[in-house]
Amino acid sequence: HGAIMPILKPTFPRLQRGHPLARDLIGAWTFYEGSGPRLYDLSGYARLGTWRSDAASPHSWGSSEIGLGVNFPAASKTFFDLGDVLNFGYQQSVTIAARIRLSSTTGTKSIITKQARTMPYGGWGLDVVSGKLRYSYINNYPSNYFQSTCDTTLGTSTPYDVAAVYTTNSASFYIDGVAQTATVGASSANGDINTSINLCIGGRDPSGTQ
């Protein structure tokens, strides 16, 4: 079981290893940096994120009632690039937790992905699609993949603690600690994914071919 935590809130640059959330932790990015192009991993695996963007003014660090964080601009390919790491098997379990706030509910907004932008969309990712959390594990779309969408629509300008728990063609969603219902779009993933696509926070690898 692996846990990934791209959490946007202030914290000291260390983890309490005895805390339950630190068990089996494989990535933790807390956005405490507050400035610059780097995002540091506190899990102990040193999976450093580097800012990538096709925008003239790609991103801005800021603070709000939810703590430190990054504003990801719309309509541009902007994200933190963590390199070619964390390929998951379809029978592996993984938990992803994040604190997010949406400026709008239109379109697709990626929380964390390691997934191609083009057919057959190989990879995995947690996105917000039209205001709803969606987890995808795709080996070869449209015949070999898993995809589930949370039934709850998130609002704008409101911070949410969200989580997705995946295990073998099944996903559970939580918003502010409360379990949500979900609609499964496909549950036929069969076979592990091994792509050279980079893991990204806040977007999807623009070179995204499988």
N, C-alpha and C. Protein backbone atom coordinates (compact mmCIF):
# COMPACT_ATOMS: atom_id res chain seq x y z
N HIS A 1 0.85 -1.18 0.00
CA HIS A 1 0.00 0.00 0.00
C HIS A 1 0.89 1.23 0.00
N GLY A 2 0.59 2.21 -0.83
CA GLY A 2 1.37 3.43 -0.88
C GLY A 2 0.49 4.63 -0.64
N ALA A 3 1.06 5.66 -0.05
CA ALA A 3 0.32 6.89 0.20
C ALA A 3 1.05 8.07 -0.41
N ILE A 4 0.29 8.93 -1.10
CA ILE A 4 0.83 10.11 -1.72
C ILE A 4 0.10 11.30 -1.15
N MET A 5 0.84 12.35 -0.77
CA MET A 5 0.21 13.47 -0.09
C MET A 5 0.67 14.80 -0.68
N PRO A 6 0.05 15.29 -1.76
CA PRO A 6 0.35 16.65 -2.19
C PRO A 6 -0.55 17.63 -1.44
N ILE A 7 -0.18 17.99 -0.23
CA ILE A 7 -1.05 18.74 0.66
C ILE A 7 -0.63 20.21 0.69
N LEU A 8 -1.56 21.11 0.42
CA LEU A 8 -1.26 22.53 0.40
C LEU A 8 -1.59 23.14 1.76
N LYS A 9 -0.65 23.10 2.67
CA LYS A 9 -0.83 23.78 3.94
C LYS A 9 0.53 23.93 4.59
N PRO A 10 0.71 24.90 5.49
CA PRO A 10 2.02 25.12 6.07
C PRO A 10 2.42 23.99 6.99
N THR A 11 3.69 23.70 7.02
CA THR A 11 4.19 22.64 7.88
C THR A 11 5.68 22.83 8.07
N PHE A 12 6.24 22.27 9.11
CA PHE A 12 7.67 22.25 9.23
C PHE A 12 8.23 21.24 8.24
N PRO A 13 9.45 21.45 7.73
CA PRO A 13 10.01 20.55 6.72
C PRO A 13 10.47 19.23 7.31
N ARG A 14 9.57 18.56 7.98
CA ARG A 14 9.87 17.25 8.54
C ARG A 14 8.55 16.51 8.76
N LEU A 15 8.63 15.21 8.92
CA LEU A 15 7.44 14.40 9.17
C LEU A 15 7.60 13.67 10.49
N GLN A 16 6.49 13.46 11.14
CA GLN A 16 6.49 12.62 12.33
C GLN A 16 6.30 11.18 11.89
N ARG A 17 7.38 10.42 11.92
CA ARG A 17 7.34 9.06 11.38
C ARG A 17 6.41 8.15 12.16
N GLY A 18 6.10 8.50 13.40
CA GLY A 18 5.19 7.68 14.18
C GLY A 18 3.72 7.95 13.90
N HIS A 19 3.44 9.00 13.12
CA HIS A 19 2.05 9.35 12.82
C HIS A 19 1.46 8.33 11.85
N PRO A 20 0.17 7.96 12.02
CA PRO A 20 -0.44 6.97 11.11
C PRO A 20 -0.35 7.35 9.64
N LEU A 21 -0.42 8.65 9.33
CA LEU A 21 -0.36 9.06 7.91
C LEU A 21 1.01 8.84 7.29
N ALA A 22 2.04 8.64 8.13
CA ALA A 22 3.39 8.42 7.61
C ALA A 22 3.65 6.95 7.27
N ARG A 23 2.73 6.09 7.64
CA ARG A 23 2.91 4.66 7.35
C ARG A 23 2.86 4.41 5.85
N ASP A 24 3.87 3.73 5.33
CA ASP A 24 3.97 3.39 3.90
C ASP A 24 3.96 4.63 3.01
N LEU A 25 4.39 5.75 3.52
CA LEU A 25 4.40 6.98 2.74
C LEU A 25 5.44 6.89 1.63
N ILE A 26 5.03 7.21 0.40
CA ILE A 26 5.95 7.15 -0.73
C ILE A 26 6.13 8.51 -1.41
N GLY A 27 5.43 9.52 -0.92
CA GLY A 27 5.61 10.86 -1.46
C GLY A 27 4.84 11.85 -0.61
N ALA A 28 5.45 13.01 -0.30
CA ALA A 28 4.77 14.04 0.49
C ALA A 28 5.31 15.42 0.08
N TRP A 29 4.42 16.23 -0.47
CA TRP A 29 4.79 17.57 -0.94
C TRP A 29 3.86 18.56 -0.25
N THR A 30 4.40 19.38 0.64
CA THR A 30 3.56 20.20 1.50
C THR A 30 3.51 21.66 1.09
N PHE A 31 4.28 22.07 0.06
CA PHE A 31 4.22 23.44 -0.46
C PHE A 31 4.63 24.48 0.59
N TYR A 32 5.46 24.08 1.54
CA TYR A 32 5.91 25.03 2.55
C TYR A 32 6.99 25.97 1.99
N GLU A 33 7.52 25.69 0.78
CA GLU A 33 8.62 26.48 0.23
C GLU A 33 8.25 27.97 0.11
N GLY A 34 7.05 28.24 -0.40
CA GLY A 34 6.59 29.62 -0.46
C GLY A 34 7.11 30.46 -1.60
N SER A 35 8.15 29.97 -2.31
CA SER A 35 8.70 30.72 -3.44
C SER A 35 9.62 29.80 -4.24
N GLY A 36 9.95 30.23 -5.46
CA GLY A 36 10.91 29.50 -6.26
C GLY A 36 10.32 28.41 -7.12
N PRO A 37 11.17 27.76 -7.93
CA PRO A 37 10.71 26.75 -8.89
C PRO A 37 10.77 25.32 -8.40
N ARG A 38 11.08 25.08 -7.12
CA ARG A 38 11.29 23.73 -6.62
C ARG A 38 10.21 23.34 -5.62
N LEU A 39 9.90 22.04 -5.63
CA LEU A 39 8.96 21.47 -4.68
C LEU A 39 9.63 20.25 -4.06
N TYR A 40 9.78 20.25 -2.75
CA TYR A 40 10.56 19.22 -2.08
C TYR A 40 9.67 18.13 -1.49
N ASP A 41 10.19 16.91 -1.58
CA ASP A 41 9.49 15.72 -1.09
C ASP A 41 9.97 15.41 0.31
N LEU A 42 9.04 15.33 1.26
CA LEU A 42 9.39 15.08 2.65
C LEU A 42 9.24 13.62 3.05
N SER A 43 8.99 12.74 2.08
CA SER A 43 8.76 11.33 2.40
C SER A 43 10.05 10.59 2.71
N GLY A 44 11.19 11.19 2.35
CA GLY A 44 12.46 10.49 2.49
C GLY A 44 12.96 9.92 1.18
N TYR A 45 12.14 9.96 0.12
CA TYR A 45 12.54 9.43 -1.18
C TYR A 45 13.11 10.51 -2.10
N ALA A 46 13.09 11.76 -1.67
CA ALA A 46 13.72 12.87 -2.40
C ALA A 46 13.22 12.98 -3.83
N ARG A 47 11.89 12.92 -4.01
CA ARG A 47 11.30 13.10 -5.34
C ARG A 47 11.02 14.59 -5.54
N LEU A 48 12.02 15.25 -6.06
CA LEU A 48 12.00 16.70 -6.21
C LEU A 48 11.12 17.11 -7.38
N GLY A 49 10.28 18.13 -7.17
CA GLY A 49 9.46 18.68 -8.24
C GLY A 49 10.08 19.95 -8.79
N THR A 50 10.02 20.11 -10.12
CA THR A 50 10.52 21.31 -10.80
C THR A 50 9.39 21.92 -11.59
N TRP A 51 9.21 23.23 -11.47
CA TRP A 51 8.11 23.91 -12.14
C TRP A 51 8.31 23.91 -13.65
N ARG A 52 7.26 23.54 -14.40
CA ARG A 52 7.26 23.58 -15.87
C ARG A 52 6.04 24.35 -16.32
N SER A 53 6.19 25.13 -17.37
CA SER A 53 5.05 25.91 -17.85
C SER A 53 5.31 26.42 -19.25
N ASP A 54 4.20 26.59 -20.01
CA ASP A 54 4.29 27.25 -21.31
C ASP A 54 3.74 28.67 -21.22
N ALA A 55 3.51 29.15 -19.99
CA ALA A 55 2.92 30.47 -19.78
C ALA A 55 4.01 31.49 -19.45
N ALA A 56 3.79 32.74 -19.84
CA ALA A 56 4.75 33.79 -19.56
C ALA A 56 4.86 34.05 -18.06
N SER A 57 3.74 34.02 -17.36
CA SER A 57 3.71 34.15 -15.91
C SER A 57 3.11 32.87 -15.34
N PRO A 58 3.95 31.85 -15.18
CA PRO A 58 3.43 30.50 -15.00
C PRO A 58 2.68 30.22 -13.70
N HIS A 59 3.15 30.73 -12.59
CA HIS A 59 2.51 30.36 -11.34
C HIS A 59 2.84 31.42 -10.29
N SER A 60 2.12 31.36 -9.20
CA SER A 60 2.40 32.28 -8.10
C SER A 60 2.20 31.56 -6.79
N TRP A 61 3.15 31.77 -5.87
CA TRP A 61 3.01 31.27 -4.52
C TRP A 61 2.14 32.24 -3.73
N GLY A 62 1.41 31.72 -2.78
CA GLY A 62 0.58 32.59 -1.99
C GLY A 62 0.14 31.91 -0.72
N SER A 63 -0.62 32.63 0.07
CA SER A 63 -1.18 32.09 1.30
C SER A 63 -2.62 32.53 1.43
N SER A 64 -3.38 31.74 2.14
CA SER A 64 -4.80 32.03 2.33
C SER A 64 -5.25 31.35 3.61
N GLU A 65 -6.56 31.22 3.78
CA GLU A 65 -7.06 30.55 4.98
C GLU A 65 -6.70 29.08 5.02
N ILE A 66 -6.25 28.51 3.88
CA ILE A 66 -5.85 27.11 3.88
C ILE A 66 -4.34 26.96 3.96
N GLY A 67 -3.63 28.07 4.13
CA GLY A 67 -2.18 28.00 4.30
C GLY A 67 -1.43 28.31 3.02
N LEU A 68 -0.15 27.94 3.00
CA LEU A 68 0.68 28.18 1.83
C LEU A 68 0.22 27.30 0.67
N GLY A 69 0.46 27.75 -0.55
CA GLY A 69 0.06 26.98 -1.71
C GLY A 69 0.51 27.64 -2.99
N VAL A 70 0.08 27.09 -4.09
CA VAL A 70 0.43 27.58 -5.43
C VAL A 70 -0.84 27.80 -6.21
N ASN A 71 -0.90 28.90 -6.93
CA ASN A 71 -1.99 29.15 -7.87
C ASN A 71 -1.57 28.63 -9.23
N PHE A 72 -2.30 27.63 -9.73
CA PHE A 72 -2.03 27.08 -11.05
C PHE A 72 -2.90 27.81 -12.07
N PRO A 73 -2.31 28.56 -12.99
CA PRO A 73 -3.12 29.33 -13.95
C PRO A 73 -3.88 28.43 -14.89
N ALA A 74 -5.05 28.90 -15.29
CA ALA A 74 -5.88 28.14 -16.23
C ALA A 74 -5.34 28.32 -17.65
N ALA A 75 -5.78 27.44 -18.54
CA ALA A 75 -5.51 27.54 -19.97
C ALA A 75 -4.02 27.53 -20.31
N SER A 76 -3.20 26.86 -19.51
CA SER A 76 -1.79 26.69 -19.85
C SER A 76 -1.31 25.38 -19.25
N LYS A 77 -0.25 24.82 -19.82
CA LYS A 77 0.32 23.58 -19.33
C LYS A 77 1.29 23.93 -18.20
N THR A 78 0.81 23.94 -16.99
CA THR A 78 1.60 24.34 -15.84
C THR A 78 1.52 23.26 -14.77
N PHE A 79 2.67 22.88 -14.22
CA PHE A 79 2.69 21.79 -13.25
C PHE A 79 4.07 21.69 -12.63
N PHE A 80 4.17 20.92 -11.56
CA PHE A 80 5.45 20.51 -11.01
C PHE A 80 5.78 19.13 -11.57
N ASP A 81 6.96 19.02 -12.16
CA ASP A 81 7.44 17.80 -12.80
C ASP A 81 8.34 17.06 -11.82
N LEU A 82 7.97 15.80 -11.49
CA LEU A 82 8.74 15.02 -10.53
C LEU A 82 9.54 13.89 -11.17
N GLY A 83 9.55 13.84 -12.49
CA GLY A 83 10.33 12.82 -13.17
C GLY A 83 9.59 11.50 -13.32
N ASP A 84 10.26 10.54 -13.92
CA ASP A 84 9.66 9.24 -14.23
C ASP A 84 9.73 8.34 -13.00
N VAL A 85 8.75 8.51 -12.10
CA VAL A 85 8.70 7.73 -10.86
C VAL A 85 7.28 7.25 -10.60
N LEU A 86 7.14 6.28 -9.75
CA LEU A 86 5.86 5.78 -9.23
C LEU A 86 4.94 5.18 -10.30
N ASN A 87 5.43 4.14 -10.95
CA ASN A 87 4.56 3.28 -11.75
C ASN A 87 3.88 2.29 -10.81
N PHE A 88 2.55 2.21 -10.88
CA PHE A 88 1.80 1.31 -10.01
C PHE A 88 1.25 0.12 -10.78
N GLY A 89 1.19 -1.01 -10.11
CA GLY A 89 0.50 -2.16 -10.67
C GLY A 89 -1.00 -2.04 -10.41
N TYR A 90 -1.80 -2.65 -11.27
CA TYR A 90 -3.25 -2.50 -11.14
C TYR A 90 -3.80 -3.21 -9.91
N GLN A 91 -3.01 -4.11 -9.31
CA GLN A 91 -3.44 -4.78 -8.09
C GLN A 91 -2.82 -4.16 -6.83
N GLN A 92 -2.08 -3.09 -7.00
CA GLN A 92 -1.53 -2.38 -5.85
C GLN A 92 -2.55 -1.41 -5.28
N SER A 93 -2.41 -1.14 -3.99
CA SER A 93 -3.28 -0.16 -3.33
C SER A 93 -2.53 1.15 -3.17
N VAL A 94 -3.24 2.24 -3.37
CA VAL A 94 -2.62 3.55 -3.21
C VAL A 94 -3.66 4.53 -2.67
N THR A 95 -3.22 5.39 -1.77
CA THR A 95 -4.06 6.46 -1.24
C THR A 95 -3.45 7.80 -1.61
N ILE A 96 -4.26 8.68 -2.17
CA ILE A 96 -3.83 10.02 -2.53
C ILE A 96 -4.65 11.01 -1.72
N ALA A 97 -3.98 11.93 -1.03
CA ALA A 97 -4.68 12.94 -0.25
C ALA A 97 -4.14 14.31 -0.60
N ALA A 98 -5.02 15.30 -0.67
CA ALA A 98 -4.59 16.65 -1.03
C ALA A 98 -5.55 17.67 -0.47
N ARG A 99 -5.06 18.86 -0.26
CA ARG A 99 -5.93 19.99 0.08
C ARG A 99 -5.97 20.91 -1.12
N ILE A 100 -7.17 21.18 -1.63
CA ILE A 100 -7.33 21.94 -2.86
C ILE A 100 -8.40 23.02 -2.70
N ARG A 101 -8.33 24.00 -3.59
CA ARG A 101 -9.39 24.98 -3.71
C ARG A 101 -9.52 25.33 -5.19
N LEU A 102 -10.73 25.24 -5.72
CA LEU A 102 -10.96 25.46 -7.14
C LEU A 102 -11.36 26.90 -7.41
N SER A 103 -10.85 27.45 -8.51
CA SER A 103 -11.29 28.77 -8.94
C SER A 103 -12.50 28.66 -9.87
N SER A 104 -12.67 27.47 -10.47
CA SER A 104 -13.84 27.20 -11.31
C SER A 104 -14.03 25.69 -11.36
N THR A 105 -15.19 25.25 -11.82
CA THR A 105 -15.48 23.82 -11.92
C THR A 105 -15.54 23.36 -13.37
N THR A 106 -15.17 24.20 -14.29
CA THR A 106 -15.21 23.82 -15.70
C THR A 106 -13.94 23.07 -16.09
N GLY A 107 -14.07 22.15 -17.05
CA GLY A 107 -12.92 21.46 -17.59
C GLY A 107 -12.32 20.45 -16.64
N THR A 108 -11.07 20.05 -16.96
CA THR A 108 -10.32 19.07 -16.18
C THR A 108 -9.15 19.74 -15.48
N LYS A 109 -9.04 19.51 -14.19
CA LYS A 109 -7.96 20.06 -13.40
C LYS A 109 -7.24 18.91 -12.70
N SER A 110 -5.99 18.72 -13.04
CA SER A 110 -5.23 17.58 -12.51
C SER A 110 -4.65 17.89 -11.14
N ILE A 111 -4.85 16.98 -10.21
CA ILE A 111 -4.23 17.08 -8.89
C ILE A 111 -2.85 16.44 -8.94
N ILE A 112 -2.79 15.17 -9.29
CA ILE A 112 -1.52 14.47 -9.47
C ILE A 112 -1.73 13.40 -10.53
N THR A 113 -0.82 13.33 -11.50
CA THR A 113 -0.98 12.39 -12.60
C THR A 113 0.36 11.83 -13.05
N LYS A 114 0.30 10.64 -13.57
CA LYS A 114 1.39 10.06 -14.36
C LYS A 114 0.71 9.40 -15.55
N GLN A 115 0.27 10.23 -16.47
CA GLN A 115 -0.66 9.77 -17.50
C GLN A 115 -0.45 10.52 -18.80
N ALA A 116 -0.59 9.81 -19.90
CA ALA A 116 -0.41 10.40 -21.23
C ALA A 116 -1.57 11.33 -21.57
N ARG A 117 -1.26 12.35 -22.36
CA ARG A 117 -2.29 13.28 -22.84
C ARG A 117 -2.99 12.74 -24.09
N THR A 118 -2.38 11.77 -24.75
CA THR A 118 -2.91 11.27 -26.02
C THR A 118 -3.27 9.78 -25.91
N MET A 119 -4.05 9.29 -26.85
CA MET A 119 -4.41 7.87 -26.88
C MET A 119 -3.14 7.02 -26.87
N PRO A 120 -3.17 5.90 -26.10
CA PRO A 120 -4.29 5.32 -25.35
C PRO A 120 -4.38 5.80 -23.89
N TYR A 121 -3.85 6.98 -23.59
CA TYR A 121 -3.97 7.62 -22.27
C TYR A 121 -3.39 6.77 -21.14
N GLY A 122 -2.34 6.03 -21.41
CA GLY A 122 -1.77 5.14 -20.41
C GLY A 122 -1.26 5.86 -19.18
N GLY A 123 -1.55 5.29 -18.01
CA GLY A 123 -1.07 5.85 -16.76
C GLY A 123 -2.17 5.93 -15.71
N TRP A 124 -1.90 6.71 -14.67
CA TRP A 124 -2.88 6.86 -13.60
C TRP A 124 -2.94 8.33 -13.19
N GLY A 125 -4.05 8.70 -12.55
CA GLY A 125 -4.13 10.08 -12.12
C GLY A 125 -5.39 10.38 -11.33
N LEU A 126 -5.29 11.41 -10.50
CA LEU A 126 -6.44 11.95 -9.78
C LEU A 126 -6.69 13.36 -10.31
N ASP A 127 -7.86 13.57 -10.90
CA ASP A 127 -8.25 14.83 -11.51
C ASP A 127 -9.54 15.33 -10.89
N VAL A 128 -9.85 16.58 -11.17
CA VAL A 128 -11.18 17.12 -10.91
C VAL A 128 -11.79 17.44 -12.27
N VAL A 129 -12.88 16.77 -12.60
CA VAL A 129 -13.51 16.92 -13.91
C VAL A 129 -14.91 17.49 -13.71
N SER A 130 -15.13 18.68 -14.24
CA SER A 130 -16.41 19.37 -14.06
C SER A 130 -16.81 19.44 -12.59
N GLY A 131 -15.82 19.67 -11.74
CA GLY A 131 -16.07 19.82 -10.32
C GLY A 131 -16.11 18.54 -9.52
N LYS A 132 -15.88 17.38 -10.17
CA LYS A 132 -15.97 16.10 -9.47
C LYS A 132 -14.62 15.37 -9.51
N LEU A 133 -14.25 14.78 -8.38
CA LEU A 133 -13.03 13.99 -8.31
C LEU A 133 -13.14 12.77 -9.22
N ARG A 134 -12.06 12.48 -9.95
CA ARG A 134 -12.05 11.29 -10.81
C ARG A 134 -10.69 10.62 -10.71
N TYR A 135 -10.71 9.30 -10.44
CA TYR A 135 -9.47 8.53 -10.42
C TYR A 135 -9.44 7.60 -11.64
N SER A 136 -8.31 7.59 -12.32
CA SER A 136 -8.15 6.76 -13.52
C SER A 136 -6.91 5.89 -13.40
N TYR A 137 -7.04 4.64 -13.83
CA TYR A 137 -5.91 3.73 -14.00
C TYR A 137 -6.09 3.11 -15.38
N ILE A 138 -5.28 3.55 -16.33
CA ILE A 138 -5.52 3.19 -17.73
C ILE A 138 -4.31 2.47 -18.29
N ASN A 139 -4.55 1.24 -18.73
CA ASN A 139 -3.51 0.48 -19.42
C ASN A 139 -3.58 0.74 -20.92
N ASN A 140 -4.79 0.63 -21.45
CA ASN A 140 -4.96 0.85 -22.89
C ASN A 140 -6.42 1.23 -23.14
N TYR A 141 -6.69 2.52 -23.20
CA TYR A 141 -8.05 3.01 -23.43
C TYR A 141 -8.44 2.78 -24.90
N PRO A 142 -9.70 2.32 -25.18
CA PRO A 142 -10.83 2.20 -24.25
C PRO A 142 -11.14 0.78 -23.80
N SER A 143 -10.21 -0.16 -23.97
CA SER A 143 -10.55 -1.55 -23.69
C SER A 143 -9.99 -2.07 -22.37
N ASN A 144 -8.98 -1.43 -21.83
CA ASN A 144 -8.30 -1.97 -20.66
C ASN A 144 -8.01 -0.83 -19.68
N TYR A 145 -9.00 -0.50 -18.85
CA TYR A 145 -8.80 0.61 -17.94
C TYR A 145 -9.83 0.60 -16.81
N PHE A 146 -9.50 1.36 -15.75
CA PHE A 146 -10.41 1.60 -14.65
C PHE A 146 -10.60 3.10 -14.51
N GLN A 147 -11.85 3.49 -14.24
CA GLN A 147 -12.12 4.91 -14.01
C GLN A 147 -13.36 5.05 -13.13
N SER A 148 -13.24 5.87 -12.10
CA SER A 148 -14.36 6.10 -11.19
C SER A 148 -14.45 7.58 -10.88
N THR A 149 -15.68 8.11 -10.80
CA THR A 149 -15.92 9.52 -10.56
C THR A 149 -16.78 9.70 -9.31
N CYS A 150 -16.32 10.57 -8.41
CA CYS A 150 -17.08 10.89 -7.21
C CYS A 150 -18.38 11.58 -7.61
N ASP A 151 -19.47 11.25 -6.94
CA ASP A 151 -20.77 11.83 -7.29
C ASP A 151 -20.96 13.26 -6.77
N THR A 152 -20.12 13.69 -5.85
CA THR A 152 -20.26 15.01 -5.24
C THR A 152 -19.54 16.08 -6.06
N THR A 153 -20.22 17.18 -6.32
CA THR A 153 -19.61 18.30 -7.04
C THR A 153 -19.03 19.29 -6.04
N LEU A 154 -17.75 19.59 -6.21
CA LEU A 154 -17.08 20.55 -5.34
C LEU A 154 -17.46 21.97 -5.74
N GLY A 155 -17.43 22.87 -4.77
CA GLY A 155 -17.72 24.27 -5.05
C GLY A 155 -16.44 25.04 -5.33
N THR A 156 -16.57 26.31 -5.62
CA THR A 156 -15.42 27.17 -5.86
C THR A 156 -15.14 28.02 -4.63
N SER A 157 -13.87 28.44 -4.53
CA SER A 157 -13.42 29.34 -3.46
C SER A 157 -13.55 28.73 -2.07
N THR A 158 -13.75 27.42 -2.01
CA THR A 158 -13.86 26.72 -0.72
C THR A 158 -12.75 25.68 -0.64
N PRO A 159 -11.95 25.67 0.43
CA PRO A 159 -10.91 24.65 0.56
C PRO A 159 -11.50 23.30 0.92
N TYR A 160 -10.95 22.26 0.32
CA TYR A 160 -11.39 20.89 0.61
C TYR A 160 -10.18 20.00 0.88
N ASP A 161 -10.32 19.11 1.86
CA ASP A 161 -9.38 18.02 2.04
C ASP A 161 -9.98 16.81 1.32
N VAL A 162 -9.32 16.38 0.25
CA VAL A 162 -9.87 15.30 -0.57
C VAL A 162 -8.92 14.11 -0.54
N ALA A 163 -9.49 12.93 -0.76
CA ALA A 163 -8.69 11.72 -0.80
C ALA A 163 -9.33 10.71 -1.73
N ALA A 164 -8.49 9.92 -2.38
CA ALA A 164 -8.94 8.80 -3.21
C ALA A 164 -8.14 7.57 -2.80
N VAL A 165 -8.82 6.46 -2.62
CA VAL A 165 -8.19 5.20 -2.24
C VAL A 165 -8.48 4.19 -3.34
N TYR A 166 -7.42 3.71 -4.01
CA TYR A 166 -7.59 2.76 -5.11
C TYR A 166 -7.02 1.41 -4.73
N THR A 167 -7.73 0.36 -5.10
CA THR A 167 -7.21 -1.00 -5.00
C THR A 167 -7.93 -1.89 -5.99
N THR A 168 -7.20 -2.45 -6.92
CA THR A 168 -7.69 -3.46 -7.89
C THR A 168 -9.08 -3.16 -8.44
N ASN A 169 -9.16 -2.22 -9.35
CA ASN A 169 -10.42 -1.89 -10.03
C ASN A 169 -11.52 -1.42 -9.08
N SER A 170 -11.12 -0.69 -8.03
CA SER A 170 -12.08 -0.13 -7.10
C SER A 170 -11.49 1.16 -6.54
N ALA A 171 -12.34 2.15 -6.32
CA ALA A 171 -11.87 3.42 -5.75
C ALA A 171 -12.90 3.97 -4.78
N SER A 172 -12.42 4.53 -3.69
CA SER A 172 -13.26 5.22 -2.71
C SER A 172 -12.81 6.67 -2.62
N PHE A 173 -13.76 7.57 -2.42
CA PHE A 173 -13.46 8.99 -2.34
C PHE A 173 -13.91 9.55 -0.99
N TYR A 174 -13.15 10.53 -0.50
CA TYR A 174 -13.46 11.20 0.75
C TYR A 174 -13.30 12.70 0.58
N ILE A 175 -14.24 13.45 1.10
CA ILE A 175 -14.16 14.91 1.08
C ILE A 175 -14.31 15.39 2.52
N ASP A 176 -13.29 16.09 3.01
CA ASP A 176 -13.26 16.56 4.40
C ASP A 176 -13.53 15.41 5.37
N GLY A 177 -12.97 14.25 5.06
CA GLY A 177 -13.06 13.09 5.93
C GLY A 177 -14.33 12.28 5.83
N VAL A 178 -15.25 12.69 4.94
CA VAL A 178 -16.53 12.00 4.81
C VAL A 178 -16.54 11.16 3.53
N ALA A 179 -16.88 9.88 3.65
CA ALA A 179 -16.95 9.00 2.49
C ALA A 179 -18.04 9.45 1.53
N GLN A 180 -17.75 9.36 0.23
CA GLN A 180 -18.68 9.79 -0.81
C GLN A 180 -19.09 8.61 -1.69
N THR A 181 -20.23 8.72 -2.31
CA THR A 181 -20.61 7.73 -3.32
C THR A 181 -19.89 8.06 -4.62
N ALA A 182 -19.80 7.07 -5.49
CA ALA A 182 -19.08 7.26 -6.75
C ALA A 182 -19.72 6.43 -7.85
N THR A 183 -19.46 6.83 -9.08
CA THR A 183 -19.94 6.12 -10.25
C THR A 183 -18.75 5.56 -11.01
N VAL A 184 -18.75 4.24 -11.20
CA VAL A 184 -17.66 3.57 -11.92
C VAL A 184 -17.95 3.61 -13.41
N GLY A 185 -17.04 4.18 -14.17
CA GLY A 185 -17.21 4.24 -15.62
C GLY A 185 -16.68 3.01 -16.32
N ALA A 186 -15.64 2.40 -15.76
CA ALA A 186 -15.06 1.18 -16.32
C ALA A 186 -14.24 0.50 -15.24
N SER A 187 -14.22 -0.83 -15.25
CA SER A 187 -13.49 -1.56 -14.21
C SER A 187 -12.80 -2.79 -14.79
N SER A 188 -12.16 -2.59 -15.94
CA SER A 188 -11.56 -3.73 -16.64
C SER A 188 -10.04 -3.62 -16.75
N ALA A 189 -9.40 -2.84 -15.86
CA ALA A 189 -7.95 -2.76 -15.89
C ALA A 189 -7.34 -4.13 -15.62
N ASN A 190 -6.39 -4.53 -16.45
CA ASN A 190 -5.76 -5.83 -16.32
C ASN A 190 -4.35 -5.73 -16.88
N GLY A 191 -3.39 -5.68 -15.98
CA GLY A 191 -2.01 -5.53 -16.40
C GLY A 191 -1.40 -4.26 -15.83
N ASP A 192 -0.12 -4.36 -15.48
CA ASP A 192 0.56 -3.24 -14.87
C ASP A 192 0.96 -2.20 -15.91
N ILE A 193 1.07 -0.97 -15.46
CA ILE A 193 1.46 0.15 -16.32
C ILE A 193 2.92 0.46 -16.08
N ASN A 194 3.69 0.59 -17.14
CA ASN A 194 5.08 1.01 -17.03
C ASN A 194 5.35 1.99 -18.14
N THR A 195 5.17 3.27 -17.86
CA THR A 195 5.35 4.31 -18.87
C THR A 195 6.58 5.14 -18.55
N SER A 196 7.04 5.88 -19.54
CA SER A 196 8.15 6.81 -19.34
C SER A 196 7.63 8.23 -19.13
N ILE A 197 6.34 8.35 -18.90
CA ILE A 197 5.72 9.64 -18.65
C ILE A 197 6.08 10.11 -17.25
N ASN A 198 6.26 11.41 -17.09
CA ASN A 198 6.65 11.94 -15.79
C ASN A 198 5.47 12.14 -14.86
N LEU A 199 5.73 11.94 -13.57
CA LEU A 199 4.75 12.23 -12.53
C LEU A 199 4.64 13.74 -12.38
N CYS A 200 3.42 14.26 -12.34
CA CYS A 200 3.21 15.71 -12.29
C CYS A 200 2.17 16.06 -11.23
N ILE A 201 2.40 17.16 -10.54
CA ILE A 201 1.43 17.73 -9.61
C ILE A 201 0.89 19.01 -10.23
N GLY A 202 -0.44 19.10 -10.33
CA GLY A 202 -1.07 20.30 -10.88
C GLY A 202 -1.24 20.28 -12.37
N GLY A 203 -0.92 19.18 -13.03
CA GLY A 203 -1.06 19.11 -14.48
C GLY A 203 -0.71 17.75 -15.01
N ARG A 204 -0.45 17.69 -16.30
CA ARG A 204 -0.12 16.43 -16.96
C ARG A 204 1.06 16.64 -17.88
N ASP A 205 1.95 15.66 -17.93
CA ASP A 205 3.16 15.75 -18.73
C ASP A 205 2.82 16.13 -20.17
N PRO A 206 3.27 17.29 -20.68
CA PRO A 206 2.89 17.70 -22.03
C PRO A 206 3.52 16.86 -23.12
N SER A 207 4.59 16.13 -22.78
CA SER A 207 5.19 15.25 -23.78
C SER A 207 4.43 13.95 -23.88
N GLY A 208 3.41 13.80 -23.02
CA GLY A 208 2.54 12.69 -22.72
C GLY A 208 2.25 11.63 -23.75
N THR A 209 3.20 11.05 -24.46
CA THR A 209 2.91 9.87 -25.27
C THR A 209 3.39 8.65 -24.50
N GLN A 210 2.71 7.53 -24.67
CA GLN A 210 3.01 6.36 -23.84
C GLN A 210 4.29 5.70 -24.30
